[in-house]
Amino acid sequence: MTKVRLAKSEESRMEGLMDPSALEGMEDDPRAMGRMMRKMKKEVGEEMPPEFDDVVDRLEAGQSPEDIESAMPDLGADAGSEDGV
């Protein structure tokens, strides 16, 4: 028997990742949040900045988002601008 692979649109992949039932309680479980972010990165297939992997690693280790923000104060400092200004 041969394997069959179904192609999904980017939109349908993102909808699957953003299933509200899968997101419930995520703010209370950094490990689950880290797993979801790693899966999202894989689904999107785009290159992410090195900080992304650092944040995901910290979440998967159980570190809270608040602790990560405190430890990485420059995180996202240039978000929203392409030239960093």
PDB file of N, CA and C in Angstrom:
ATOM      1  N   MET A   1       0.843  -1.178   0.000  1.00  0.00           N
ATOM      2  CA  MET A   1       0.000   0.000   0.000  1.00  0.00           C
ATOM      3  C   MET A   1       0.889   1.242   0.000  1.00  0.00           C
ATOM      4  N   THR A   2       0.576   2.197  -0.831  1.00  0.00           N
ATOM      5  CA  THR A   2       1.370   3.413  -0.900  1.00  0.00           C
ATOM      6  C   THR A   2       0.795   4.472   0.025  1.00  0.00           C
ATOM      7  N   LYS A   3       1.641   5.384   0.408  1.00  0.00           N
ATOM      8  CA  LYS A   3       1.208   6.484   1.263  1.00  0.00           C
ATOM      9  C   LYS A   3       0.583   7.572   0.408  1.00  0.00           C
ATOM     10  N   VAL A   4      -0.416   8.195   0.969  1.00  0.00           N
ATOM     11  CA  VAL A   4      -1.085   9.307   0.299  1.00  0.00           C
ATOM     12  C   VAL A   4      -0.867  10.542   1.145  1.00  0.00           C
ATOM     13  N   ARG A   5      -0.512  11.608   0.504  1.00  0.00           N
ATOM     14  CA  ARG A   5      -0.270  12.863   1.213  1.00  0.00           C
ATOM     15  C   ARG A   5      -1.248  13.899   0.712  1.00  0.00           C
ATOM     16  N   LEU A   6      -1.961  14.537   1.620  1.00  0.00           N
ATOM     17  CA  LEU A   6      -2.919  15.559   1.258  1.00  0.00           C
ATOM     18  C   LEU A   6      -2.278  16.927   1.424  1.00  0.00           C
ATOM     19  N   ALA A   7      -2.450  17.753   0.433  1.00  0.00           N
ATOM     20  CA  ALA A   7      -1.930  19.108   0.514  1.00  0.00           C
ATOM     21  C   ALA A   7      -2.970  19.995   1.179  1.00  0.00           C
ATOM     22  N   LYS A   8      -2.527  20.774   2.155  1.00  0.00           N
ATOM     23  CA  LYS A   8      -3.413  21.712   2.837  1.00  0.00           C
ATOM     24  C   LYS A   8      -2.957  23.115   2.511  1.00  0.00           C
ATOM     25  N   SER A   9      -3.908  24.004   2.441  1.00  0.00           N
ATOM     26  CA  SER A   9      -3.553  25.399   2.232  1.00  0.00           C
ATOM     27  C   SER A   9      -2.981  25.947   3.537  1.00  0.00           C
ATOM     28  N   GLU A  10      -2.230  27.015   3.431  1.00  0.00           N
ATOM     29  CA  GLU A  10      -1.675  27.636   4.626  1.00  0.00           C
ATOM     30  C   GLU A  10      -2.796  28.060   5.562  1.00  0.00           C
ATOM     31  N   GLU A  11      -3.870  28.560   4.986  1.00  0.00           N
ATOM     32  CA  GLU A  11      -4.997  29.002   5.799  1.00  0.00           C
ATOM     33  C   GLU A  11      -5.598  27.847   6.600  1.00  0.00           C
ATOM     34  N   SER A  12      -5.786  26.689   5.966  1.00  0.00           N
ATOM     35  CA  SER A  12      -6.380  25.558   6.684  1.00  0.00           C
ATOM     36  C   SER A  12      -5.426  25.020   7.750  1.00  0.00           C
ATOM     37  N   ARG A  13      -4.114  25.065   7.494  1.00  0.00           N
ATOM     38  CA  ARG A  13      -3.146  24.626   8.518  1.00  0.00           C
ATOM     39  C   ARG A  13      -3.208  25.543   9.723  1.00  0.00           C
ATOM     40  N   MET A  14      -3.275  26.863   9.493  1.00  0.00           N
ATOM     41  CA  MET A  14      -3.323  27.820  10.593  1.00  0.00           C
ATOM     42  C   MET A  14      -4.626  27.690  11.374  1.00  0.00           C
ATOM     43  N   GLU A  15      -5.726  27.451  10.677  1.00  0.00           N
ATOM     44  CA  GLU A  15      -7.004  27.264  11.364  1.00  0.00           C
ATOM     45  C   GLU A  15      -6.938  26.059  12.294  1.00  0.00           C
ATOM     46  N   GLY A  16      -6.300  24.996  11.837  1.00  0.00           N
ATOM     47  CA  GLY A  16      -6.146  23.810  12.669  1.00  0.00           C
ATOM     48  C   GLY A  16      -5.321  24.075  13.911  1.00  0.00           C
ATOM     49  N   LEU A  17      -4.304  24.905  13.785  1.00  0.00           N
ATOM     50  CA  LEU A  17      -3.456  25.235  14.929  1.00  0.00           C
ATOM     51  C   LEU A  17      -4.170  26.131  15.928  1.00  0.00           C
ATOM     52  N   MET A  18      -5.073  26.945  15.448  1.00  0.00           N
ATOM     53  CA  MET A  18      -5.745  27.917  16.300  1.00  0.00           C
ATOM     54  C   MET A  18      -7.089  27.408  16.817  1.00  0.00           C
ATOM     55  N   ASP A  19      -7.251  26.107  16.871  1.00  0.00           N
ATOM     56  CA  ASP A  19      -8.467  25.503  17.401  1.00  0.00           C
ATOM     57  C   ASP A  19      -8.660  25.980  18.841  1.00  0.00           C
ATOM     58  N   PRO A  20      -9.780  26.652  19.123  1.00  0.00           N
ATOM     59  CA  PRO A  20      -9.994  27.194  20.468  1.00  0.00           C
ATOM     60  C   PRO A  20      -9.890  26.154  21.583  1.00  0.00           C
ATOM     61  N   SER A  21     -10.325  24.929  21.328  1.00  0.00           N
ATOM     62  CA  SER A  21     -10.236  23.905  22.373  1.00  0.00           C
ATOM     63  C   SER A  21      -8.781  23.558  22.684  1.00  0.00           C
ATOM     64  N   ALA A  22      -7.909  23.667  21.687  1.00  0.00           N
ATOM     65  CA  ALA A  22      -6.487  23.380  21.899  1.00  0.00           C
ATOM     66  C   ALA A  22      -5.797  24.513  22.647  1.00  0.00           C
ATOM     67  N   LEU A  23      -6.360  25.720  22.582  1.00  0.00           N
ATOM     68  CA  LEU A  23      -5.747  26.878  23.219  1.00  0.00           C
ATOM     69  C   LEU A  23      -6.207  27.086  24.663  1.00  0.00           C
ATOM     70  N   GLU A  24      -7.282  26.379  25.080  1.00  0.00           N
ATOM     71  CA  GLU A  24      -7.803  26.537  26.430  1.00  0.00           C
ATOM     72  C   GLU A  24      -6.751  26.182  27.472  1.00  0.00           C
ATOM     73  N   GLY A  25      -6.597  27.062  28.442  1.00  0.00           N
ATOM     74  CA  GLY A  25      -5.678  26.820  29.539  1.00  0.00           C
ATOM     75  C   GLY A  25      -4.211  26.985  29.201  1.00  0.00           C
ATOM     76  N   MET A  26      -3.910  27.380  27.968  1.00  0.00           N
ATOM     77  CA  MET A  26      -2.525  27.491  27.544  1.00  0.00           C
ATOM     78  C   MET A  26      -1.752  28.532  28.371  1.00  0.00           C
ATOM     79  N   GLU A  27      -2.447  29.605  28.783  1.00  0.00           N
ATOM     80  CA  GLU A  27      -1.746  30.637  29.548  1.00  0.00           C
ATOM     81  C   GLU A  27      -1.273  30.116  30.897  1.00  0.00           C
ATOM     82  N   ASP A  28      -1.848  29.010  31.355  1.00  0.00           N
ATOM     83  CA  ASP A  28      -1.445  28.424  32.628  1.00  0.00           C
ATOM     84  C   ASP A  28      -0.445  27.281  32.461  1.00  0.00           C
ATOM     85  N   ASP A  29      -0.112  26.949  31.221  1.00  0.00           N
ATOM     86  CA  ASP A  29       0.785  25.819  30.962  1.00  0.00           C
ATOM     87  C   ASP A  29       1.848  26.215  29.947  1.00  0.00           C
ATOM     88  N   PRO A  30       2.983  26.752  30.421  1.00  0.00           N
ATOM     89  CA  PRO A  30       4.025  27.191  29.487  1.00  0.00           C
ATOM     90  C   PRO A  30       4.555  26.078  28.602  1.00  0.00           C
ATOM     91  N   ARG A  31       4.595  24.852  29.108  1.00  0.00           N
ATOM     92  CA  ARG A  31       5.088  23.743  28.290  1.00  0.00           C
ATOM     93  C   ARG A  31       4.177  23.504  27.090  1.00  0.00           C
ATOM     94  N   ALA A  32       2.869  23.540  27.321  1.00  0.00           N
ATOM     95  CA  ALA A  32       1.909  23.361  26.221  1.00  0.00           C
ATOM     96  C   ALA A  32       2.020  24.511  25.227  1.00  0.00           C
ATOM     97  N   MET A  33       2.235  25.724  25.743  1.00  0.00           N
ATOM     98  CA  MET A  33       2.398  26.883  24.868  1.00  0.00           C
ATOM     99  C   MET A  33       3.641  26.721  24.001  1.00  0.00           C
ATOM    100  N   GLY A  34       4.732  26.244  24.589  1.00  0.00           N
ATOM    101  CA  GLY A  34       5.962  26.014  23.836  1.00  0.00           C
ATOM    102  C   GLY A  34       5.779  24.969  22.750  1.00  0.00           C
ATOM    103  N   ARG A  35       5.085  23.879  23.079  1.00  0.00           N
ATOM    104  CA  ARG A  35       4.822  22.837  22.076  1.00  0.00           C
ATOM    105  C   ARG A  35       3.982  23.385  20.924  1.00  0.00           C
ATOM    106  N   MET A  36       2.971  24.190  21.253  1.00  0.00           N
ATOM    107  CA  MET A  36       2.115  24.766  20.223  1.00  0.00           C
ATOM    108  C   MET A  36       2.916  25.713  19.328  1.00  0.00           C
ATOM    109  N   MET A  37       3.801  26.507  19.926  1.00  0.00           N
ATOM    110  CA  MET A  37       4.608  27.449  19.142  1.00  0.00           C
ATOM    111  C   MET A  37       5.583  26.697  18.229  1.00  0.00           C
ATOM    112  N   ARG A  38       6.169  25.619  18.728  1.00  0.00           N
ATOM    113  CA  ARG A  38       7.085  24.824  17.901  1.00  0.00           C
ATOM    114  C   ARG A  38       6.329  24.187  16.729  1.00  0.00           C
ATOM    115  N   LYS A  39       5.122  23.685  16.996  1.00  0.00           N
ATOM    116  CA  LYS A  39       4.304  23.088  15.945  1.00  0.00           C
ATOM    117  C   LYS A  39       3.910  24.152  14.922  1.00  0.00           C
ATOM    118  N   MET A  40       3.572  25.353  15.392  1.00  0.00           N
ATOM    119  CA  MET A  40       3.196  26.440  14.492  1.00  0.00           C
ATOM    120  C   MET A  40       4.375  26.807  13.587  1.00  0.00           C
ATOM    121  N   LYS A  41       5.571  26.871  14.144  1.00  0.00           N
ATOM    122  CA  LYS A  41       6.759  27.187  13.351  1.00  0.00           C
ATOM    123  C   LYS A  41       6.949  26.153  12.249  1.00  0.00           C
ATOM    124  N   LYS A  42       6.763  24.884  12.602  1.00  0.00           N
ATOM    125  CA  LYS A  42       6.922  23.807  11.623  1.00  0.00           C
ATOM    126  C   LYS A  42       5.868  23.912  10.523  1.00  0.00           C
ATOM    127  N   GLU A  43       4.634  24.198  10.893  1.00  0.00           N
ATOM    128  CA  GLU A  43       3.549  24.312   9.918  1.00  0.00           C
ATOM    129  C   GLU A  43       3.740  25.499   8.983  1.00  0.00           C
ATOM    130  N   VAL A  44       4.177  26.614   9.535  1.00  0.00           N
ATOM    131  CA  VAL A  44       4.365  27.825   8.727  1.00  0.00           C
ATOM    132  C   VAL A  44       5.533  27.635   7.776  1.00  0.00           C
ATOM    133  N   GLY A  45       6.596  26.994   8.259  1.00  0.00           N
ATOM    134  CA  GLY A  45       7.736  26.698   7.411  1.00  0.00           C
ATOM    135  C   GLY A  45       8.616  27.888   7.081  1.00  0.00           C
ATOM    136  N   GLU A  46       8.448  28.970   7.803  1.00  0.00           N
ATOM    137  CA  GLU A  46       9.277  30.155   7.571  1.00  0.00           C
ATOM    138  C   GLU A  46      10.395  30.226   8.595  1.00  0.00           C
ATOM    139  N   GLU A  47      11.478  30.869   8.201  1.00  0.00           N
ATOM    140  CA  GLU A  47      12.606  31.062   9.104  1.00  0.00           C
ATOM    141  C   GLU A  47      12.206  32.054  10.194  1.00  0.00           C
ATOM    142  N   MET A  48      12.514  31.703  11.426  1.00  0.00           N
ATOM    143  CA  MET A  48      12.221  32.559  12.571  1.00  0.00           C
ATOM    144  C   MET A  48      13.532  33.061  13.153  1.00  0.00           C
ATOM    145  N   PRO A  49      13.488  34.190  13.839  1.00  0.00           N
ATOM    146  CA  PRO A  49      14.719  34.692  14.469  1.00  0.00           C
ATOM    147  C   PRO A  49      15.173  33.725  15.564  1.00  0.00           C
ATOM    148  N   PRO A  50      16.464  33.733  15.879  1.00  0.00           N
ATOM    149  CA  PRO A  50      16.991  32.804  16.890  1.00  0.00           C
ATOM    150  C   PRO A  50      16.300  32.957  18.247  1.00  0.00           C
ATOM    151  N   GLU A  51      15.835  34.157  18.552  1.00  0.00           N
ATOM    152  CA  GLU A  51      15.154  34.393  19.823  1.00  0.00           C
ATOM    153  C   GLU A  51      13.894  33.539  19.947  1.00  0.00           C
ATOM    154  N   PHE A  52      13.258  33.246  18.817  1.00  0.00           N
ATOM    155  CA  PHE A  52      12.041  32.446  18.840  1.00  0.00           C
ATOM    156  C   PHE A  52      12.334  31.084  19.460  1.00  0.00           C
ATOM    157  N   ASP A  53      13.386  30.427  18.974  1.00  0.00           N
ATOM    158  CA  ASP A  53      13.739  29.105  19.504  1.00  0.00           C
ATOM    159  C   ASP A  53      14.127  29.187  20.975  1.00  0.00           C
ATOM    160  N   ASP A  54      14.788  30.267  21.370  1.00  0.00           N
ATOM    161  CA  ASP A  54      15.164  30.442  22.772  1.00  0.00           C
ATOM    162  C   ASP A  54      13.914  30.541  23.639  1.00  0.00           C
ATOM    163  N   VAL A  55      12.937  31.317  23.197  1.00  0.00           N
ATOM    164  CA  VAL A  55      11.690  31.464  23.946  1.00  0.00           C
ATOM    165  C   VAL A  55      10.965  30.121  24.024  1.00  0.00           C
ATOM    166  N   VAL A  56      10.870  29.420  22.905  1.00  0.00           N
ATOM    167  CA  VAL A  56      10.185  28.129  22.891  1.00  0.00           C
ATOM    168  C   VAL A  56      10.893  27.140  23.821  1.00  0.00           C
ATOM    169  N   ASP A  57      12.219  27.101  23.783  1.00  0.00           N
ATOM    170  CA  ASP A  57      12.970  26.216  24.677  1.00  0.00           C
ATOM    171  C   ASP A  57      12.670  26.536  26.137  1.00  0.00           C
ATOM    172  N   ARG A  58      12.608  27.834  26.466  1.00  0.00           N
ATOM    173  CA  ARG A  58      12.334  28.249  27.846  1.00  0.00           C
ATOM    174  C   ARG A  58      10.916  27.853  28.262  1.00  0.00           C
ATOM    175  N   LEU A  59       9.959  28.046  27.350  1.00  0.00           N
ATOM    176  CA  LEU A  59       8.578  27.648  27.652  1.00  0.00           C
ATOM    177  C   LEU A  59       8.486  26.145  27.882  1.00  0.00           C
ATOM    178  N   GLU A  60       9.125  25.371  27.007  1.00  0.00           N
ATOM    179  CA  GLU A  60       9.075  23.915  27.137  1.00  0.00           C
ATOM    180  C   GLU A  60       9.764  23.435  28.413  1.00  0.00           C
ATOM    181  N   ALA A  61      10.672  24.238  28.944  1.00  0.00           N
ATOM    182  CA  ALA A  61      11.323  23.908  30.211  1.00  0.00           C
ATOM    183  C   ALA A  61      10.455  24.311  31.409  1.00  0.00           C
ATOM    184  N   GLY A  62       9.328  25.001  31.132  1.00  0.00           N
ATOM    185  CA  GLY A  62       8.405  25.370  32.199  1.00  0.00           C
ATOM    186  C   GLY A  62       8.517  26.804  32.678  1.00  0.00           C
ATOM    187  N   GLN A  63       9.352  27.609  32.037  1.00  0.00           N
ATOM    188  CA  GLN A  63       9.507  29.001  32.443  1.00  0.00           C
ATOM    189  C   GLN A  63       8.278  29.797  32.002  1.00  0.00           C
ATOM    190  N   SER A  64       7.774  30.658  32.864  1.00  0.00           N
ATOM    191  CA  SER A  64       6.574  31.425  32.547  1.00  0.00           C
ATOM    192  C   SER A  64       6.896  32.529  31.540  1.00  0.00           C
ATOM    193  N   PRO A  65       5.901  32.939  30.755  1.00  0.00           N
ATOM    194  CA  PRO A  65       6.126  34.052  29.811  1.00  0.00           C
ATOM    195  C   PRO A  65       6.620  35.313  30.515  1.00  0.00           C
ATOM    196  N   GLU A  66       6.122  35.562  31.714  1.00  0.00           N
ATOM    197  CA  GLU A  66       6.556  36.741  32.461  1.00  0.00           C
ATOM    198  C   GLU A  66       8.035  36.663  32.822  1.00  0.00           C
ATOM    199  N   ASP A  67       8.486  35.480  33.237  1.00  0.00           N
ATOM    200  CA  ASP A  67       9.901  35.299  33.567  1.00  0.00           C
ATOM    201  C   ASP A  67      10.778  35.446  32.326  1.00  0.00           C
ATOM    202  N   ILE A  68      10.274  34.964  31.199  1.00  0.00           N
ATOM    203  CA  ILE A  68      11.023  35.081  29.946  1.00  0.00           C
ATOM    204  C   ILE A  68      11.151  36.542  29.554  1.00  0.00           C
ATOM    205  N   GLU A  69      10.061  37.292  29.678  1.00  0.00           N
ATOM    206  CA  GLU A  69      10.119  38.729  29.362  1.00  0.00           C
ATOM    207  C   GLU A  69      11.103  39.454  30.257  1.00  0.00           C
ATOM    208  N   SER A  70      11.158  39.082  31.529  1.00  0.00           N
ATOM    209  CA  SER A  70      12.100  39.711  32.457  1.00  0.00           C
ATOM    210  C   SER A  70      13.542  39.374  32.100  1.00  0.00           C
ATOM    211  N   ALA A  71      13.766  38.130  31.693  1.00  0.00           N
ATOM    212  CA  ALA A  71      15.116  37.677  31.367  1.00  0.00           C
ATOM    213  C   ALA A  71      15.586  38.179  30.010  1.00  0.00           C
ATOM    214  N   MET A  72      14.636  38.516  29.133  1.00  0.00           N
ATOM    215  CA  MET A  72      14.964  38.942  27.769  1.00  0.00           C
ATOM    216  C   MET A  72      14.275  40.285  27.487  1.00  0.00           C
ATOM    217  N   PRO A  73      14.704  41.365  28.145  1.00  0.00           N
ATOM    218  CA  PRO A  73      13.989  42.643  28.033  1.00  0.00           C
ATOM    219  C   PRO A  73      13.955  43.228  26.626  1.00  0.00           C
ATOM    220  N   ASP A  74      14.899  42.881  25.768  1.00  0.00           N
ATOM    221  CA  ASP A  74      14.922  43.430  24.405  1.00  0.00           C
ATOM    222  C   ASP A  74      14.092  42.612  23.432  1.00  0.00           C
ATOM    223  N   LEU A  75      13.452  41.563  23.910  1.00  0.00           N
ATOM    224  CA  LEU A  75      12.658  40.694  23.059  1.00  0.00           C
ATOM    225  C   LEU A  75      11.509  41.478  22.425  1.00  0.00           C
ATOM    226  N   GLY A  76      11.464  41.459  21.107  1.00  0.00           N
ATOM    227  CA  GLY A  76      10.403  42.157  20.389  1.00  0.00           C
ATOM    228  C   GLY A  76      10.570  43.654  20.327  1.00  0.00           C
ATOM    229  N   ALA A  77      11.737  44.172  20.673  1.00  0.00           N
ATOM    230  CA  ALA A  77      11.943  45.617  20.683  1.00  0.00           C
ATOM    231  C   ALA A  77      11.770  46.233  19.311  1.00  0.00           C
ATOM    232  N   ASP A  78      12.097  45.487  18.245  1.00  0.00           N
ATOM    233  CA  ASP A  78      11.953  46.035  16.894  1.00  0.00           C
ATOM    234  C   ASP A  78      10.748  45.447  16.172  1.00  0.00           C
ATOM    235  N   ALA A  79       9.842  44.801  16.914  1.00  0.00           N
ATOM    236  CA  ALA A  79       8.647  44.231  16.288  1.00  0.00           C
ATOM    237  C   ALA A  79       7.783  45.328  15.715  1.00  0.00           C
ATOM    238  N   GLY A  80       7.247  45.065  14.547  1.00  0.00           N
ATOM    239  CA  GLY A  80       6.347  46.011  13.930  1.00  0.00           C
ATOM    240  C   GLY A  80       7.029  46.986  12.988  1.00  0.00           C
ATOM    241  N   SER A  81       8.348  46.942  12.935  1.00  0.00           N
ATOM    242  CA  SER A  81       9.040  47.791  11.985  1.00  0.00           C
ATOM    243  C   SER A  81      10.088  46.975  11.257  1.00  0.00           C
ATOM    244  N   GLU A  82      10.148  47.136   9.980  1.00  0.00           N
ATOM    245  CA  GLU A  82      11.081  46.329   9.185  1.00  0.00           C
ATOM    246  C   GLU A  82      12.512  46.836   9.295  1.00  0.00           C
ATOM    247  N   ASP A  83      12.699  48.098   9.611  1.00  0.00           N
ATOM    248  CA  ASP A  83      14.046  48.637   9.663  1.00  0.00           C
ATOM    249  C   ASP A  83      14.592  48.732  11.067  1.00  0.00           C
ATOM    250  N   GLY A  84      13.827  48.227  12.084  1.00  0.00           N
ATOM    251  CA  GLY A  84      14.306  48.222  13.455  1.00  0.00           C
ATOM    252  C   GLY A  84      14.184  49.533  14.157  1.00  0.00           C
ATOM    253  N   VAL A  85      13.519  50.520  13.569  1.00  0.00           N
ATOM    254  CA  VAL A  85      13.374  51.839  14.199  1.00  0.00           C
ATOM    255  C   VAL A  85      11.989  51.995  14.728  1.00  0.00           C
TER     256      VAL A  85
END
